[in-house]
Amino acid sequence: MTLDTNKTIGIIGGGQLARMLSFAAFQFGYRIAIFEPEKNCPASQVTDQHFCASYKDEKALEEFAKSCDIVTFEFENIPVDAVKTIEKHVKIYPNPDALGHTQDRLSEKEFVRSLGLPCAPFYEINSLDDLEAAIKTNGLPAILKTRRFGYDGKGQFVIKNADEAAQAWNELGQNPCVLEGFVDFSFETSMILTRGQDGEILYFPNSQNIHKDGILRKSMVPSPLNFDQIEECKHIGRTIAEALKYVGTLTVEIFVGKHGLVVNEIAPRVHNSGHWTIEGCKTSQFEAHIRAICGLPLGSSSLMARGVEMENLLGDEILHAFKLAADGNVFVHIYGKKDIKPGRKMGHFTRLFG
């Protein structure tokens, strides 16, 4: 099904990802409506309609759904009941079933393992006794993560010795968790792909990601991966996308180590580590997502330069963003967030090489 121009795409969420999806949609003549509880969110500054209401407001959800010709989402932590309400009235891409696997870290890892893909050893943790038993089985170091609502290093605790078990359990609020065996890896790469309604898949070049304090700082392309590793990344991404009957842009974070590749996390959406594609590829991850959900040809992910580097602007780093624009090979993106907070993603810049 091809969505005609002048139709309305609904986006659940109103952050910077929704903002950049909106820019990509505008070039095809689509209108955008967002559903976002926050008033002055980044996407609301550029979109046609903003349904500003709680995800528990069924009437507002229904009005939003009825105003749209198709709906997508910018992040995975959406209340399932809200998605079900919207889905009664309008088609949602990607398949909302993808949320069930990615909102819960335990479900996600069980899903990855069921597909025969490599992942770190993991253990379901519902009590301190569970944690202590898992540590005895797995050994240390290990990482305790909340099953839900963890991002940018939040909701996790690295346990280096058995004495830290109780501290980790308490600091994470004694909530249901997953203990993951520690993976000795050289670097993390992102396998970003877009799958169309007809099953066609567009693969983006792998990036090398650099984190600091659990937050992505840089993504660099090309990555140090060899041909066989890139093909294995594609296999991992394709296997997940096809199992989910996925439509849209999907991201799989993968650890690269001397013992092979290990799936870290799945993000059923466009991703921070793919922002470089806006200037770095003929078709960006955002445009490809819009093309996919609207039934258009997916475009080309060919590089526009020999090398590309994207760096996040965190907190008050955004105050110096305009100075970066003096370099003709640098492209600055400011998200329009009002409040500057330490570690908050306020924008990013991309630099092209060669």
Protein backbone atom coordinates (compact mmCIF):
# COMPACT_ATOMS: atom_id res chain seq x y z
CA MET A 1 0.00 0.00 0.00
CA THR A 2 1.41 3.38 -1.03
CA LEU A 3 0.38 6.38 1.03
CA ASP A 4 -0.50 9.35 -1.19
CA THR A 5 1.04 12.76 -0.68
CA ASN A 6 -0.83 15.22 1.59
CA LYS A 7 -1.85 12.35 3.86
CA THR A 8 -1.11 12.46 7.58
CA ILE A 9 1.49 10.33 9.34
CA GLY A 10 1.02 10.03 13.08
CA ILE A 11 4.06 9.70 15.33
CA ILE A 12 3.76 8.47 18.90
CA GLY A 13 6.32 10.49 20.83
CA GLY A 14 7.61 14.00 20.27
CA GLY A 15 11.36 13.97 20.89
CA GLN A 16 14.24 14.60 18.53
CA LEU A 17 13.68 11.33 16.66
CA ALA A 18 10.11 12.37 15.85
CA ARG A 19 11.43 15.78 14.82
CA MET A 20 13.90 14.26 12.35
CA LEU A 21 11.29 11.80 11.06
CA SER A 22 9.04 14.79 10.43
CA PHE A 23 11.67 16.58 8.33
CA ALA A 24 12.07 13.41 6.26
CA ALA A 25 8.31 13.13 5.75
CA PHE A 26 7.87 16.73 4.67
CA GLN A 27 9.95 16.25 1.52
CA PHE A 28 7.30 13.81 0.25
CA GLY A 29 4.46 16.20 1.04
CA TYR A 30 3.17 14.33 4.08
CA ARG A 31 1.65 16.03 7.09
CA ILE A 32 2.61 15.06 10.62
CA ALA A 33 0.59 14.70 13.81
CA ILE A 34 2.34 13.75 17.04
CA PHE A 35 1.01 12.35 20.29
CA GLU A 36 3.22 13.48 23.16
CA PRO A 37 2.34 14.35 26.78
CA GLU A 38 5.09 17.00 27.01
CA LYS A 39 4.04 20.45 25.82
CA ASN A 40 7.08 22.12 24.27
CA CYS A 41 8.74 18.99 22.87
CA PRO A 42 11.21 19.07 19.95
CA ALA A 43 8.76 17.71 17.36
CA SER A 44 5.92 20.04 18.35
CA GLN A 45 7.99 22.99 17.09
CA VAL A 46 7.88 21.72 13.50
CA THR A 47 4.74 19.58 13.10
CA ASP A 48 1.18 20.30 12.00
CA GLN A 49 -0.69 18.86 14.97
CA HIS A 50 0.29 18.08 18.54
CA PHE A 51 -2.04 15.94 20.60
CA CYS A 52 -0.76 16.87 24.05
CA ALA A 53 -2.36 14.40 26.45
CA SER A 54 -1.62 11.48 28.72
CA TYR A 55 -1.12 8.03 27.26
CA LYS A 56 -4.01 7.04 29.53
CA ASP A 57 -6.41 9.49 27.83
CA GLU A 58 -8.40 7.13 25.57
CA LYS A 59 -10.47 9.92 24.02
CA ALA A 60 -7.34 11.85 22.98
CA LEU A 61 -5.75 8.66 21.66
CA GLU A 62 -8.83 7.93 19.54
CA GLU A 63 -8.92 11.51 18.19
CA PHE A 64 -5.24 11.23 17.30
CA ALA A 65 -5.73 7.89 15.55
CA LYS A 66 -8.70 9.14 13.54
CA SER A 67 -6.71 12.18 12.36
CA CYS A 68 -3.98 9.95 10.86
CA ASP A 69 -3.74 7.81 7.74
CA ILE A 70 -0.89 5.74 9.20
CA VAL A 71 0.96 5.75 12.53
CA THR A 72 4.52 5.00 13.63
CA PHE A 73 6.47 5.57 16.84
CA GLU A 74 9.80 7.12 17.81
CA PHE A 75 10.56 5.10 20.94
CA GLU A 76 9.69 1.71 22.38
CA ASN A 77 8.55 2.50 25.93
CA ILE A 78 4.96 3.27 24.99
CA PRO A 79 2.18 1.87 27.21
CA VAL A 80 0.78 -1.19 25.42
CA ASP A 81 -2.81 -0.17 26.19
CA ALA A 82 -2.27 3.14 24.38
CA VAL A 83 -0.96 1.34 21.30
CA LYS A 84 -3.93 -1.06 21.33
CA THR A 85 -6.35 1.87 21.45
CA ILE A 86 -4.70 3.55 18.46
CA GLU A 87 -4.46 0.30 16.50
CA LYS A 88 -8.24 -0.11 16.59
CA HIS A 89 -8.55 2.86 14.25
CA VAL A 90 -5.42 3.04 12.07
CA LYS A 91 -2.55 0.88 10.80
CA ILE A 92 0.66 1.06 12.84
CA TYR A 93 4.14 0.41 11.44
CA PRO A 94 6.35 -1.23 12.64
CA ASN A 95 4.27 -4.15 13.86
CA PRO A 96 3.40 -3.30 17.50
CA ASP A 97 4.35 -6.88 18.42
CA ALA A 98 7.94 -5.63 18.20
CA LEU A 99 7.27 -3.57 21.33
CA GLY A 100 6.50 -6.71 23.32
CA HIS A 101 9.99 -8.05 22.67
CA THR A 102 11.91 -4.81 23.20
CA GLN A 103 10.16 -3.16 26.17
CA ASP A 104 11.33 -5.96 28.46
CA ARG A 105 15.00 -6.94 28.49
CA LEU A 106 14.21 -10.50 29.54
CA SER A 107 11.71 -10.99 26.71
CA GLU A 108 14.17 -9.43 24.28
CA LYS A 109 16.98 -11.80 25.22
CA GLU A 110 14.70 -14.84 25.16
CA PHE A 111 13.56 -13.75 21.68
CA VAL A 112 17.14 -13.36 20.43
CA ARG A 113 18.10 -16.75 21.84
CA SER A 114 15.02 -18.39 20.27
CA LEU A 115 16.27 -17.24 16.86
CA GLY A 116 19.61 -18.97 17.40
CA LEU A 117 21.47 -15.66 17.53
CA PRO A 118 24.41 -15.05 19.87
CA CYS A 119 23.73 -13.17 23.10
CA ALA A 120 25.38 -12.93 26.52
CA PRO A 121 24.31 -15.42 29.20
CA PHE A 122 21.39 -14.00 31.17
CA TYR A 123 19.32 -14.78 34.24
CA GLU A 124 15.87 -13.68 35.42
CA ILE A 125 16.17 -11.82 38.73
CA ASN A 126 13.15 -11.25 40.99
CA SER A 127 14.85 -11.26 44.38
CA LEU A 128 18.21 -10.88 46.08
CA ASP A 129 18.33 -14.67 46.42
CA ASP A 130 17.91 -14.97 42.61
CA LEU A 131 20.75 -12.51 42.13
CA GLU A 132 23.14 -14.27 44.48
CA ALA A 133 22.38 -17.64 42.86
CA ALA A 134 22.92 -16.22 39.36
CA ILE A 135 26.25 -14.71 40.41
CA LYS A 136 27.41 -18.11 41.67
CA THR A 137 26.44 -19.70 38.36
CA ASN A 138 27.70 -16.99 36.02
CA GLY A 139 30.62 -15.52 37.91
CA LEU A 140 31.74 -11.89 38.00
CA PRO A 141 31.91 -9.26 36.69
CA ALA A 142 28.29 -9.11 35.52
CA ILE A 143 25.73 -6.42 34.82
CA LEU A 144 22.38 -6.15 36.61
CA LYS A 145 19.77 -4.33 34.50
CA THR A 146 16.15 -3.42 35.15
CA ARG A 147 13.86 -5.27 32.77
CA ARG A 148 12.10 -2.07 31.71
CA PHE A 149 12.78 1.65 31.12
CA GLY A 150 16.57 1.60 30.99
CA TYR A 151 18.48 3.79 28.53
CA ASP A 152 21.69 5.83 28.26
CA GLY A 153 23.30 3.88 31.08
CA LYS A 154 20.30 4.26 33.41
CA GLY A 155 18.76 1.27 35.12
CA GLN A 156 21.93 -0.81 35.31
CA PHE A 157 24.70 -1.62 37.77
CA VAL A 158 28.04 -3.33 37.12
CA ILE A 159 28.72 -5.88 39.86
CA LYS A 160 32.43 -6.52 40.31
CA ASN A 161 32.37 -8.54 43.53
CA ALA A 162 29.78 -10.53 45.48
CA ASP A 163 29.61 -7.89 48.23
CA GLU A 164 28.02 -5.47 45.73
CA ALA A 165 25.00 -7.70 45.03
CA ALA A 166 22.74 -6.24 47.71
CA GLN A 167 23.79 -2.68 46.84
CA ALA A 168 22.96 -3.26 43.16
CA TRP A 169 19.60 -4.81 43.98
CA ASN A 170 18.66 -1.89 46.25
CA GLU A 171 19.91 0.84 43.92
CA LEU A 172 17.74 -0.55 41.12
CA GLY A 173 14.72 -0.37 43.38
CA GLN A 174 14.35 -4.13 43.91
CA ASN A 175 12.50 -4.20 40.59
CA PRO A 176 12.44 -7.21 38.23
CA CYS A 177 15.86 -7.38 36.58
CA VAL A 178 18.12 -9.36 34.30
CA LEU A 179 21.67 -10.31 35.19
CA GLU A 180 23.88 -10.40 32.11
CA GLY A 181 27.22 -12.10 31.88
CA PHE A 182 30.01 -9.65 31.10
CA VAL A 183 31.04 -9.61 27.43
CA ASP A 184 34.70 -8.91 26.66
CA PHE A 185 34.39 -6.85 23.49
CA SER A 186 36.58 -4.53 21.44
CA PHE A 187 33.82 -2.16 20.37
CA GLU A 188 30.11 -1.91 19.70
CA THR A 189 28.64 -1.64 16.22
CA SER A 190 25.13 -0.78 15.07
CA MET A 191 23.41 -2.78 12.37
CA ILE A 192 20.76 -0.43 11.07
CA LEU A 193 18.40 -1.63 8.37
CA THR A 194 15.08 -0.67 6.88
CA ARG A 195 12.58 -3.31 5.78
CA GLY A 196 9.80 -2.44 3.36
CA GLN A 197 6.23 -3.68 3.23
CA ASP A 198 7.26 -6.13 0.49
CA GLY A 199 10.12 -7.59 2.57
CA GLU A 200 12.90 -5.73 0.74
CA ILE A 201 15.74 -4.77 3.09
CA LEU A 202 18.06 -1.75 2.87
CA TYR A 203 21.23 -2.14 4.99
CA PHE A 204 23.14 0.88 6.25
CA PRO A 205 26.93 0.74 6.69
CA ASN A 206 27.98 -0.46 10.13
CA SER A 207 29.18 2.17 12.56
CA GLN A 208 31.69 1.95 15.37
CA ASN A 209 30.11 3.39 18.52
CA ILE A 210 31.96 5.00 21.41
CA HIS A 211 30.21 5.45 24.77
CA LYS A 212 31.07 7.39 27.90
CA ASP A 213 29.20 6.89 31.18
CA GLY A 214 26.69 4.73 29.34
CA ILE A 215 25.82 7.48 26.83
CA LEU A 216 26.70 7.35 23.14
CA ARG A 217 29.32 9.97 22.35
CA LYS A 218 30.40 9.13 18.80
CA SER A 219 29.50 6.93 15.87
CA MET A 220 32.09 6.52 13.12
CA VAL A 221 31.84 5.07 9.61
CA PRO A 222 33.35 2.99 8.15
CA SER A 223 33.77 0.60 11.07
CA PRO A 224 36.77 -1.74 11.50
CA LEU A 225 34.59 -4.76 10.67
CA ASN A 226 35.79 -7.13 7.96
CA PHE A 227 33.60 -8.47 5.15
CA ASP A 228 32.57 -11.65 6.99
CA GLN A 229 31.65 -9.73 10.14
CA ILE A 230 29.53 -7.29 8.13
CA GLU A 231 27.73 -10.19 6.48
CA GLU A 232 27.09 -11.74 9.90
CA CYS A 233 25.67 -8.42 11.14
CA LYS A 234 23.34 -8.38 8.16
CA HIS A 235 22.26 -11.94 8.94
CA ILE A 236 21.50 -10.97 12.54
CA GLY A 237 19.50 -7.92 11.49
CA ARG A 238 17.63 -9.75 8.75
CA THR A 239 16.75 -12.67 11.02
CA ILE A 240 15.26 -10.35 13.64
CA ALA A 241 13.40 -8.16 11.12
CA GLU A 242 11.87 -11.11 9.30
CA ALA A 243 10.85 -12.85 12.55
CA LEU A 244 9.01 -9.67 13.58
CA LYS A 245 7.51 -9.13 10.08
CA TYR A 246 9.02 -5.71 10.58
CA VAL A 247 8.30 -2.64 8.46
CA GLY A 248 10.47 0.43 9.01
CA THR A 249 13.94 1.15 10.37
CA LEU A 250 15.35 -1.29 12.94
CA THR A 251 18.58 -1.09 14.93
CA VAL A 252 20.55 -3.94 16.48
CA GLU A 253 23.44 -3.06 18.79
CA ILE A 254 26.15 -5.72 18.53
CA PHE A 255 29.31 -6.29 20.56
CA VAL A 256 32.40 -7.16 18.52
CA GLY A 257 35.04 -9.24 20.29
CA LYS A 258 37.76 -11.77 19.61
CA HIS A 259 35.28 -14.59 20.16
CA GLY A 260 32.76 -13.24 17.66
CA LEU A 261 29.64 -11.09 17.59
CA VAL A 262 27.11 -10.84 20.43
CA VAL A 263 23.71 -9.14 20.22
CA ASN A 264 23.42 -6.45 22.88
CA GLU A 265 20.05 -4.73 22.33
CA ILE A 266 17.32 -4.28 19.74
CA ALA A 267 15.73 -0.89 19.09
CA PRO A 268 12.54 -1.02 16.96
CA ARG A 269 13.08 2.48 15.59
CA VAL A 270 15.50 4.96 14.12
CA HIS A 271 18.52 5.29 16.39
CA ASN A 272 21.00 7.83 17.76
CA SER A 273 23.89 5.85 16.26
CA GLY A 274 22.37 6.40 12.81
CA HIS A 275 22.06 10.19 12.88
CA TRP A 276 25.15 10.40 10.67
CA THR A 277 23.08 8.99 7.78
CA ILE A 278 21.30 12.34 7.30
CA GLU A 279 24.32 13.84 5.53
CA GLY A 280 26.37 10.66 5.23
CA CYS A 281 24.08 8.54 3.03
CA LYS A 282 22.05 9.16 -0.10
CA THR A 283 19.00 8.13 1.93
CA SER A 284 18.99 8.65 5.70
CA GLN A 285 17.63 6.20 8.24
CA PHE A 286 14.74 8.64 8.79
CA GLU A 287 13.84 8.98 5.14
CA ALA A 288 14.12 5.21 4.66
CA HIS A 289 11.71 4.68 7.56
CA ILE A 290 9.17 7.06 6.04
CA ARG A 291 9.60 5.42 2.64
CA ALA A 292 9.05 1.96 4.16
CA ILE A 293 5.90 2.70 6.17
CA CYS A 294 4.41 4.63 3.24
CA GLY A 295 5.09 1.90 0.69
CA LEU A 296 7.69 3.85 -1.30
CA PRO A 297 10.98 2.52 -2.75
CA LEU A 298 13.55 2.39 0.06
CA GLY A 299 16.27 4.44 -1.64
CA SER A 300 20.04 4.01 -1.42
CA SER A 301 22.30 3.78 1.64
CA SER A 302 25.49 4.52 -0.35
CA LEU A 303 27.95 6.78 1.45
CA MET A 304 28.30 10.42 0.43
CA ALA A 305 31.90 10.66 1.66
CA ARG A 306 34.88 8.44 2.34
CA GLY A 307 34.22 8.67 6.07
CA VAL A 308 31.59 10.07 8.42
CA GLU A 309 31.61 10.88 12.12
CA MET A 310 28.65 11.85 14.32
CA GLU A 311 29.05 13.24 17.83
CA ASN A 312 26.34 14.00 20.36
CA LEU A 313 26.15 17.43 21.99
CA LEU A 314 25.36 16.83 25.65
CA GLY A 315 24.24 19.38 28.21
CA ASP A 316 25.89 22.79 27.88
CA GLU A 317 28.00 21.62 24.93
CA ILE A 318 25.06 22.88 22.87
CA LEU A 319 26.02 26.47 23.77
CA HIS A 320 29.05 26.19 21.49
CA ALA A 321 27.27 24.44 18.62
CA PHE A 322 27.28 27.38 16.23
CA LYS A 323 31.08 27.55 16.33
CA LEU A 324 31.18 24.07 14.80
CA ALA A 325 29.29 25.31 11.75
CA ALA A 326 32.31 27.34 10.67
CA ASP A 327 33.71 24.12 9.21
CA GLY A 328 32.13 23.50 5.81
CA ASN A 329 32.29 19.74 6.35
CA VAL A 330 30.32 19.91 9.60
CA PHE A 331 26.53 19.79 9.85
CA VAL A 332 24.92 20.90 13.12
CA HIS A 333 21.55 19.72 14.41
CA ILE A 334 19.98 21.43 17.43
CA TYR A 335 16.90 19.72 18.88
CA GLY A 336 15.18 22.76 20.38
CA LYS A 337 15.02 21.47 23.95
CA LYS A 338 14.39 24.29 26.40
CA ASP A 339 16.09 22.92 29.51
CA ILE A 340 19.80 22.17 29.44
CA LYS A 341 20.71 19.30 31.76
CA PRO A 342 24.01 17.46 32.26
CA GLY A 343 24.17 14.42 30.00
CA ARG A 344 21.00 15.37 28.12
CA LYS A 345 21.16 15.01 24.35
CA MET A 346 20.65 18.57 23.13
CA GLY A 347 21.84 18.10 19.55
CA HIS A 348 24.51 16.47 17.42
CA PHE A 349 26.92 17.28 14.63
CA THR A 350 28.13 15.25 11.68
CA ARG A 351 31.49 15.64 9.97
CA LEU A 352 32.24 14.30 6.49
CA PHE A 353 35.75 13.22 5.47
CA GLY A 354 36.97 13.00 1.89
